[in-house]
Structure formats: C-alpha cells, structure tokens
Amino acid sequence: MWFGGGGGGGRGVAAGLFVRYFSRKCAVNVRKINPKVPYQEASSIAQSLYQVIKQNGALSISNTWIQAKEAGISGLNSKTHMKIMLKWMRGRKMLKLFCNHVGSSKKFLHCTLPEDPEVAQLRSSLEHKPQTKKRSTKRKK
C-alpha cells in the first residue's frame, strides 16, 4: 500500500525517492582529515606528492606509492599514511580524484587541478590591452 503503490499514481514514485534519499550515507568531510603529522611537515609532504603527480600525470594509488618511494619523499610512513595525505590534499583542493571505467571495473586516478585558463587569459588580455578613453555621452546642440 505505501511503497508498491497501486492506484495512487505518483505516490509510489515519491515514496521510492524518499526511501532512496534517506538510505544514503553522508559523504566524508575531507576538509577535516587529520594528516597525522604537524602542519609544516604535512604541507612539505603535500608539495612533494603534488610534484610527483604533476610530473607523471594521473596516477592510481599504487602507482603514486611507487613513484613516491622512488622520489624519496621524507615523512611518508606507509602507503596508508600516503592515502590519508592524498585525501587531505583533495580537501585542500590541491588534487582531483576521477574515475575511469575500464570494461566492468573502475580505476580511480589522482591528478592535479588545472590552473584556471579563463583567469590566466583575462590577466594576459588586461596586461596587453591599452586602455582607451571613454567618449563623453553628452550631446552638443
């Protein structure tokens, strides 16, 4: 009667949406991730990881760990600590996580956020354009 519907028109659809909405878990607030190290050390680790990801392009977690070990990033204790740091960096808007569908499986990759091309273009256009004087809007009679 309540959820299956029969004869009610949109009641079954609305109830289904209601159940689906309230059955979801809330997303983790990535801004409040504790990096497990002092802020100074966390920021230096984050800069090193950022450079590794920027040099190698989009990387999976395992590839990021391999590249971080090769780069010799000091301060990373383990792969789990690196995952926490990557989540902390996503919360600080340093990295973006995206999903690639490969057949029936998914690959999650981290990449650096691109510098905003619109802002860069506006800055360069303002620097190169000479400013012209406005014409007066008063009419002569």
N, C-alpha and C. Protein backbone atom coordinates (compact mmCIF):
# COMPACT_ATOMS: atom_id res chain seq x y z
N MET A 1 0.81 -1.19 0.00
CA MET A 1 0.00 0.00 0.00
C MET A 1 0.86 1.25 0.00
N TRP A 2 1.89 1.28 0.86
CA TRP A 2 2.67 2.50 0.97
C TRP A 2 3.70 2.64 -0.15
N PHE A 3 4.47 1.56 -0.41
CA PHE A 3 5.59 1.70 -1.32
C PHE A 3 5.34 1.07 -2.68
N GLY A 4 4.58 0.03 -2.75
CA GLY A 4 4.34 -0.63 -4.01
C GLY A 4 3.37 0.16 -4.87
N GLY A 5 2.48 0.73 -4.26
CA GLY A 5 1.57 1.62 -4.96
C GLY A 5 0.47 0.87 -5.64
N GLY A 6 -0.22 1.08 -6.37
CA GLY A 6 -1.38 0.53 -7.00
C GLY A 6 -2.47 1.57 -6.86
N GLY A 7 -2.81 2.18 -7.92
CA GLY A 7 -3.93 3.10 -7.91
C GLY A 7 -3.59 4.50 -7.42
N GLY A 8 -2.41 4.73 -6.92
CA GLY A 8 -2.12 6.04 -6.33
C GLY A 8 -1.44 7.01 -7.28
N GLY A 9 -1.02 6.57 -8.42
CA GLY A 9 -0.35 7.47 -9.34
C GLY A 9 1.09 7.71 -8.95
N GLY A 10 1.42 8.91 -8.48
CA GLY A 10 2.79 9.29 -8.17
C GLY A 10 3.23 8.96 -6.76
N ARG A 11 2.33 8.40 -5.94
CA ARG A 11 2.71 8.11 -4.55
C ARG A 11 3.83 7.08 -4.47
N GLY A 12 3.78 6.05 -5.30
CA GLY A 12 4.82 5.02 -5.27
C GLY A 12 6.18 5.56 -5.69
N VAL A 13 6.18 6.43 -6.67
CA VAL A 13 7.43 7.03 -7.14
C VAL A 13 8.01 7.95 -6.06
N ALA A 14 7.16 8.76 -5.47
CA ALA A 14 7.62 9.68 -4.43
C ALA A 14 8.14 8.92 -3.22
N ALA A 15 7.47 7.86 -2.85
CA ALA A 15 7.91 7.06 -1.71
C ALA A 15 9.24 6.38 -2.02
N GLY A 16 9.41 5.91 -3.24
CA GLY A 16 10.66 5.29 -3.64
C GLY A 16 11.82 6.28 -3.58
N LEU A 17 11.59 7.50 -4.04
CA LEU A 17 12.62 8.53 -3.97
C LEU A 17 12.93 8.88 -2.52
N PHE A 18 11.91 8.93 -1.70
CA PHE A 18 12.09 9.23 -0.27
C PHE A 18 12.97 8.18 0.41
N VAL A 19 12.67 6.91 0.16
CA VAL A 19 13.44 5.83 0.75
C VAL A 19 14.88 5.85 0.24
N ARG A 20 15.06 6.07 -1.08
CA ARG A 20 16.38 6.09 -1.66
C ARG A 20 17.21 7.24 -1.10
N TYR A 21 16.61 8.40 -0.91
CA TYR A 21 17.32 9.57 -0.41
C TYR A 21 17.81 9.36 1.02
N PHE A 22 16.97 8.82 1.88
CA PHE A 22 17.33 8.68 3.28
C PHE A 22 18.12 7.41 3.59
N SER A 23 18.31 6.55 2.59
CA SER A 23 19.10 5.35 2.84
C SER A 23 20.57 5.57 2.52
N ARG A 24 20.91 6.72 1.96
CA ARG A 24 22.31 7.01 1.61
C ARG A 24 23.09 7.48 2.82
N LYS A 25 24.37 7.17 2.81
CA LYS A 25 25.25 7.67 3.86
C LYS A 25 25.77 9.04 3.45
N CYS A 26 26.07 9.86 4.42
CA CYS A 26 26.63 11.19 4.14
C CYS A 26 28.08 11.04 3.70
N ALA A 27 28.52 11.95 2.85
CA ALA A 27 29.90 11.94 2.38
C ALA A 27 30.84 12.38 3.49
N VAL A 28 32.06 11.89 3.45
CA VAL A 28 33.06 12.26 4.44
C VAL A 28 33.50 13.70 4.18
N ASN A 29 33.62 14.48 5.23
CA ASN A 29 34.09 15.85 5.10
C ASN A 29 35.61 15.81 4.99
N VAL A 30 36.14 15.95 3.77
CA VAL A 30 37.57 15.79 3.57
C VAL A 30 38.37 16.99 4.08
N ARG A 31 37.71 18.08 4.40
CA ARG A 31 38.42 19.24 4.95
C ARG A 31 38.90 18.97 6.37
N LYS A 32 38.25 18.04 7.07
CA LYS A 32 38.58 17.78 8.46
C LYS A 32 39.45 16.55 8.64
N ILE A 33 40.12 16.12 7.58
CA ILE A 33 41.01 14.97 7.67
C ILE A 33 42.25 15.36 8.47
N ASN A 34 42.64 14.51 9.41
CA ASN A 34 43.84 14.75 10.21
C ASN A 34 45.03 14.12 9.50
N PRO A 35 46.03 14.91 9.08
CA PRO A 35 47.15 14.33 8.33
C PRO A 35 48.14 13.53 9.17
N LYS A 36 47.93 13.42 10.49
CA LYS A 36 48.75 12.61 11.39
C LYS A 36 50.17 13.14 11.62
N VAL A 37 50.48 14.30 11.07
CA VAL A 37 51.79 14.94 11.28
C VAL A 37 51.55 16.43 11.50
N PRO A 38 52.52 17.16 12.04
CA PRO A 38 52.36 18.62 12.19
C PRO A 38 52.11 19.30 10.84
N TYR A 39 51.47 20.45 10.87
CA TYR A 39 51.05 21.13 9.65
C TYR A 39 52.23 21.43 8.72
N GLN A 40 53.35 21.88 9.28
CA GLN A 40 54.53 22.20 8.45
C GLN A 40 55.00 20.97 7.67
N GLU A 41 55.07 19.85 8.37
CA GLU A 41 55.52 18.61 7.73
C GLU A 41 54.48 18.15 6.71
N ALA A 42 53.20 18.28 7.05
CA ALA A 42 52.14 17.87 6.13
C ALA A 42 52.19 18.69 4.85
N SER A 43 52.43 19.98 4.97
CA SER A 43 52.48 20.81 3.76
C SER A 43 53.69 20.48 2.90
N SER A 44 54.83 20.14 3.52
CA SER A 44 56.00 19.76 2.72
C SER A 44 55.78 18.41 2.02
N ILE A 45 55.15 17.46 2.72
CA ILE A 45 54.83 16.17 2.10
C ILE A 45 53.84 16.38 0.95
N ALA A 46 52.86 17.25 1.19
CA ALA A 46 51.85 17.52 0.16
C ALA A 46 52.49 18.15 -1.08
N GLN A 47 53.43 19.06 -0.88
CA GLN A 47 54.10 19.67 -2.04
C GLN A 47 54.90 18.63 -2.82
N SER A 48 55.55 17.74 -2.10
CA SER A 48 56.32 16.68 -2.78
C SER A 48 55.41 15.74 -3.56
N LEU A 49 54.30 15.33 -2.94
CA LEU A 49 53.35 14.46 -3.65
C LEU A 49 52.74 15.18 -4.85
N TYR A 50 52.47 16.47 -4.69
CA TYR A 50 51.90 17.27 -5.78
C TYR A 50 52.87 17.27 -6.97
N GLN A 51 54.16 17.46 -6.69
CA GLN A 51 55.15 17.48 -7.76
C GLN A 51 55.25 16.11 -8.46
N VAL A 52 55.17 15.04 -7.68
CA VAL A 52 55.22 13.69 -8.26
C VAL A 52 54.04 13.48 -9.20
N ILE A 53 52.84 13.86 -8.75
CA ILE A 53 51.65 13.66 -9.57
C ILE A 53 51.67 14.59 -10.79
N LYS A 54 52.18 15.81 -10.61
CA LYS A 54 52.24 16.75 -11.73
C LYS A 54 53.22 16.27 -12.79
N GLN A 55 54.34 15.68 -12.37
CA GLN A 55 55.34 15.19 -13.33
C GLN A 55 54.86 13.96 -14.09
N ASN A 56 54.15 13.07 -13.42
CA ASN A 56 53.77 11.79 -14.03
C ASN A 56 52.36 11.75 -14.57
N GLY A 57 51.58 12.78 -14.40
CA GLY A 57 50.20 12.78 -14.88
C GLY A 57 49.29 12.08 -13.89
N ALA A 58 48.14 11.66 -14.35
CA ALA A 58 47.16 11.00 -13.49
C ALA A 58 47.70 9.65 -13.04
N LEU A 59 47.66 9.42 -11.72
CA LEU A 59 48.20 8.19 -11.16
C LEU A 59 47.19 7.51 -10.25
N SER A 60 47.22 6.18 -10.24
CA SER A 60 46.43 5.44 -9.27
C SER A 60 47.16 5.46 -7.93
N ILE A 61 46.51 4.94 -6.89
CA ILE A 61 47.12 4.93 -5.56
C ILE A 61 48.42 4.11 -5.57
N SER A 62 48.37 2.93 -6.16
CA SER A 62 49.57 2.07 -6.15
C SER A 62 50.70 2.70 -6.95
N ASN A 63 50.38 3.29 -8.09
CA ASN A 63 51.43 3.94 -8.88
C ASN A 63 51.98 5.18 -8.17
N THR A 64 51.12 5.89 -7.46
CA THR A 64 51.58 7.05 -6.68
C THR A 64 52.55 6.60 -5.60
N TRP A 65 52.24 5.48 -4.93
CA TRP A 65 53.12 4.96 -3.89
C TRP A 65 54.48 4.57 -4.46
N ILE A 66 54.48 3.92 -5.62
CA ILE A 66 55.73 3.53 -6.26
C ILE A 66 56.56 4.77 -6.61
N GLN A 67 55.92 5.76 -7.21
CA GLN A 67 56.62 6.99 -7.60
C GLN A 67 57.12 7.77 -6.38
N ALA A 68 56.33 7.77 -5.30
CA ALA A 68 56.74 8.47 -4.08
C ALA A 68 57.96 7.80 -3.44
N LYS A 69 58.00 6.47 -3.47
CA LYS A 69 59.16 5.75 -2.93
C LYS A 69 60.40 6.05 -3.77
N GLU A 70 60.23 6.09 -5.10
CA GLU A 70 61.35 6.39 -5.99
C GLU A 70 61.85 7.81 -5.80
N ALA A 71 60.92 8.75 -5.53
CA ALA A 71 61.30 10.14 -5.33
C ALA A 71 61.92 10.37 -3.97
N GLY A 72 61.74 9.43 -3.06
CA GLY A 72 62.34 9.54 -1.73
C GLY A 72 61.70 10.62 -0.87
N ILE A 73 60.39 10.69 -0.90
CA ILE A 73 59.68 11.70 -0.11
C ILE A 73 59.83 11.36 1.37
N SER A 74 60.41 12.30 2.11
CA SER A 74 60.60 12.06 3.54
C SER A 74 59.32 12.43 4.28
N GLY A 75 59.00 11.67 5.29
CA GLY A 75 57.81 11.95 6.10
C GLY A 75 56.68 10.98 5.86
N LEU A 76 56.69 10.30 4.72
CA LEU A 76 55.65 9.31 4.46
C LEU A 76 56.03 8.02 5.18
N ASN A 77 55.17 7.58 6.09
CA ASN A 77 55.48 6.39 6.88
C ASN A 77 55.06 5.11 6.18
N SER A 78 53.94 5.16 5.48
CA SER A 78 53.40 3.95 4.86
C SER A 78 52.45 4.34 3.73
N LYS A 79 51.97 3.33 3.04
CA LYS A 79 51.01 3.57 1.97
C LYS A 79 49.70 4.13 2.54
N THR A 80 49.32 3.65 3.72
CA THR A 80 48.11 4.16 4.38
C THR A 80 48.26 5.63 4.72
N HIS A 81 49.45 6.02 5.20
CA HIS A 81 49.70 7.43 5.50
C HIS A 81 49.64 8.27 4.23
N MET A 82 50.14 7.72 3.11
CA MET A 82 50.06 8.43 1.84
C MET A 82 48.61 8.62 1.41
N LYS A 83 47.77 7.60 1.63
CA LYS A 83 46.35 7.72 1.28
C LYS A 83 45.68 8.81 2.09
N ILE A 84 46.03 8.90 3.37
CA ILE A 84 45.47 9.97 4.22
C ILE A 84 45.93 11.33 3.72
N MET A 85 47.19 11.41 3.34
CA MET A 85 47.72 12.69 2.82
C MET A 85 47.04 13.07 1.50
N LEU A 86 46.78 12.09 0.63
CA LEU A 86 46.09 12.39 -0.63
C LEU A 86 44.68 12.87 -0.37
N LYS A 87 44.00 12.27 0.61
CA LYS A 87 42.65 12.71 0.96
C LYS A 87 42.69 14.13 1.54
N TRP A 88 43.71 14.42 2.35
CA TRP A 88 43.89 15.75 2.92
C TRP A 88 44.13 16.77 1.82
N MET A 89 44.91 16.38 0.81
CA MET A 89 45.18 17.27 -0.32
C MET A 89 43.93 17.51 -1.16
N ARG A 90 43.08 16.49 -1.29
CA ARG A 90 41.81 16.69 -2.01
C ARG A 90 40.92 17.67 -1.26
N GLY A 91 40.94 17.60 0.07
CA GLY A 91 40.16 18.53 0.86
C GLY A 91 40.65 19.95 0.75
N ARG A 92 41.95 20.12 0.49
CA ARG A 92 42.54 21.45 0.32
C ARG A 92 42.52 21.90 -1.13
N LYS A 93 41.81 21.16 -1.97
CA LYS A 93 41.66 21.47 -3.40
C LYS A 93 42.98 21.50 -4.16
N MET A 94 43.90 20.62 -3.77
CA MET A 94 45.17 20.50 -4.48
C MET A 94 45.09 19.42 -5.56
N LEU A 95 44.28 18.39 -5.30
CA LEU A 95 44.15 17.26 -6.21
C LEU A 95 42.69 17.01 -6.56
N LYS A 96 42.52 16.29 -7.65
CA LYS A 96 41.18 15.87 -8.06
C LYS A 96 41.21 14.36 -8.24
N LEU A 97 40.16 13.69 -7.80
CA LEU A 97 40.03 12.25 -7.96
C LEU A 97 38.97 12.01 -9.03
N PHE A 98 39.31 11.24 -10.05
CA PHE A 98 38.31 10.91 -11.06
C PHE A 98 38.35 9.43 -11.37
N CYS A 99 37.30 8.96 -11.99
CA CYS A 99 37.11 7.54 -12.22
C CYS A 99 37.15 7.25 -13.72
N ASN A 100 37.91 6.22 -14.10
CA ASN A 100 37.93 5.71 -15.47
C ASN A 100 37.26 4.36 -15.47
N HIS A 101 36.28 4.17 -16.34
CA HIS A 101 35.63 2.87 -16.47
C HIS A 101 36.42 2.04 -17.48
N VAL A 102 36.94 0.91 -17.02
CA VAL A 102 37.69 0.01 -17.88
C VAL A 102 36.92 -1.30 -17.89
N GLY A 103 36.13 -1.50 -18.94
CA GLY A 103 35.30 -2.70 -19.00
C GLY A 103 34.27 -2.68 -17.89
N SER A 104 34.28 -3.72 -17.07
CA SER A 104 33.33 -3.78 -15.96
C SER A 104 33.94 -3.29 -14.65
N SER A 105 35.20 -2.85 -14.70
CA SER A 105 35.85 -2.37 -13.48
C SER A 105 36.10 -0.86 -13.58
N LYS A 106 36.48 -0.29 -12.45
CA LYS A 106 36.75 1.15 -12.39
C LYS A 106 38.18 1.37 -11.93
N LYS A 107 38.82 2.41 -12.44
CA LYS A 107 40.13 2.84 -11.99
C LYS A 107 40.00 4.26 -11.47
N PHE A 108 40.42 4.47 -10.22
CA PHE A 108 40.38 5.80 -9.64
C PHE A 108 41.77 6.42 -9.75
N LEU A 109 41.84 7.61 -10.32
CA LEU A 109 43.11 8.27 -10.57
C LEU A 109 43.13 9.65 -9.92
N HIS A 110 44.30 10.02 -9.39
CA HIS A 110 44.51 11.35 -8.84
C HIS A 110 45.22 12.20 -9.89
N CYS A 111 44.81 13.45 -10.02
CA CYS A 111 45.52 14.37 -10.90
C CYS A 111 45.52 15.75 -10.25
N THR A 112 46.40 16.60 -10.72
CA THR A 112 46.45 17.97 -10.21
C THR A 112 45.33 18.76 -10.84
N LEU A 113 44.85 19.73 -10.10
CA LEU A 113 43.83 20.60 -10.66
C LEU A 113 44.48 21.53 -11.67
N PRO A 114 43.87 21.72 -12.82
CA PRO A 114 44.48 22.61 -13.81
C PRO A 114 44.38 24.06 -13.35
N GLU A 115 45.40 24.83 -13.73
CA GLU A 115 45.31 26.26 -13.46
C GLU A 115 44.17 26.79 -14.30
N ASP A 116 43.39 27.69 -13.73
CA ASP A 116 42.19 28.18 -14.38
C ASP A 116 42.57 28.95 -15.65
N PRO A 117 42.27 28.42 -16.84
CA PRO A 117 42.70 29.09 -18.07
C PRO A 117 41.98 30.42 -18.30
N GLU A 118 40.74 30.53 -17.82
CA GLU A 118 39.99 31.77 -18.03
C GLU A 118 40.65 32.93 -17.28
N VAL A 119 41.07 32.67 -16.04
CA VAL A 119 41.71 33.71 -15.25
C VAL A 119 43.04 34.11 -15.87
N ALA A 120 43.81 33.12 -16.31
CA ALA A 120 45.09 33.41 -16.95
C ALA A 120 44.89 34.21 -18.23
N GLN A 121 43.86 33.85 -18.99
CA GLN A 121 43.59 34.55 -20.23
C GLN A 121 43.15 35.99 -19.96
N LEU A 122 42.32 36.20 -18.95
CA LEU A 122 41.89 37.55 -18.60
C LEU A 122 43.07 38.40 -18.15
N ARG A 123 43.94 37.83 -17.35
CA ARG A 123 45.11 38.57 -16.88
C ARG A 123 46.01 38.98 -18.03
N SER A 124 46.25 38.06 -18.95
CA SER A 124 47.13 38.38 -20.07
C SER A 124 46.48 39.39 -21.00
N SER A 125 45.17 39.31 -21.19
CA SER A 125 44.50 40.26 -22.08
C SER A 125 44.46 41.66 -21.46
N LEU A 126 44.33 41.74 -20.14
CA LEU A 126 44.33 43.05 -19.48
C LEU A 126 45.72 43.68 -19.51
N GLU A 127 46.76 42.87 -19.45
CA GLU A 127 48.11 43.40 -19.48
C GLU A 127 48.46 43.94 -20.86
N HIS A 128 47.98 43.32 -21.91
CA HIS A 128 48.37 43.70 -23.26
C HIS A 128 47.47 44.76 -23.89
N LYS A 129 46.26 44.93 -23.40
CA LYS A 129 45.35 45.90 -23.99
C LYS A 129 45.64 47.30 -23.47
N PRO A 130 45.84 48.24 -24.35
CA PRO A 130 45.96 49.61 -23.87
C PRO A 130 44.57 50.13 -23.51
N GLN A 131 44.51 50.90 -22.47
CA GLN A 131 43.21 51.41 -22.05
C GLN A 131 42.85 52.61 -22.91
N THR A 132 41.63 52.60 -23.39
CA THR A 132 41.15 53.70 -24.22
C THR A 132 40.25 54.60 -23.40
N LYS A 133 40.20 55.85 -23.80
CA LYS A 133 39.36 56.79 -23.08
C LYS A 133 37.91 56.61 -23.49
N LYS A 134 37.03 56.82 -22.55
CA LYS A 134 35.61 56.74 -22.85
C LYS A 134 35.17 58.02 -23.53
N ARG A 135 34.29 57.86 -24.45
CA ARG A 135 33.71 59.04 -25.09
C ARG A 135 32.67 59.63 -24.14
N SER A 136 32.58 60.89 -24.16
CA SER A 136 31.58 61.52 -23.31
C SER A 136 30.22 61.29 -23.92
N THR A 137 29.24 61.13 -23.06
CA THR A 137 27.90 60.83 -23.54
C THR A 137 27.07 62.11 -23.71
N LYS A 138 27.65 63.24 -23.41
CA LYS A 138 26.92 64.49 -23.59
C LYS A 138 26.85 64.84 -25.08
N ARG A 139 25.68 65.32 -25.49
CA ARG A 139 25.49 65.71 -26.89
C ARG A 139 25.59 67.21 -26.99
N LYS A 140 26.20 67.66 -28.04
CA LYS A 140 26.30 69.10 -28.30
C LYS A 140 25.12 69.52 -29.17
N LYS A 141 24.56 70.66 -28.84
CA LYS A 141 23.42 71.17 -29.64
C LYS A 141 23.82 72.36 -30.45
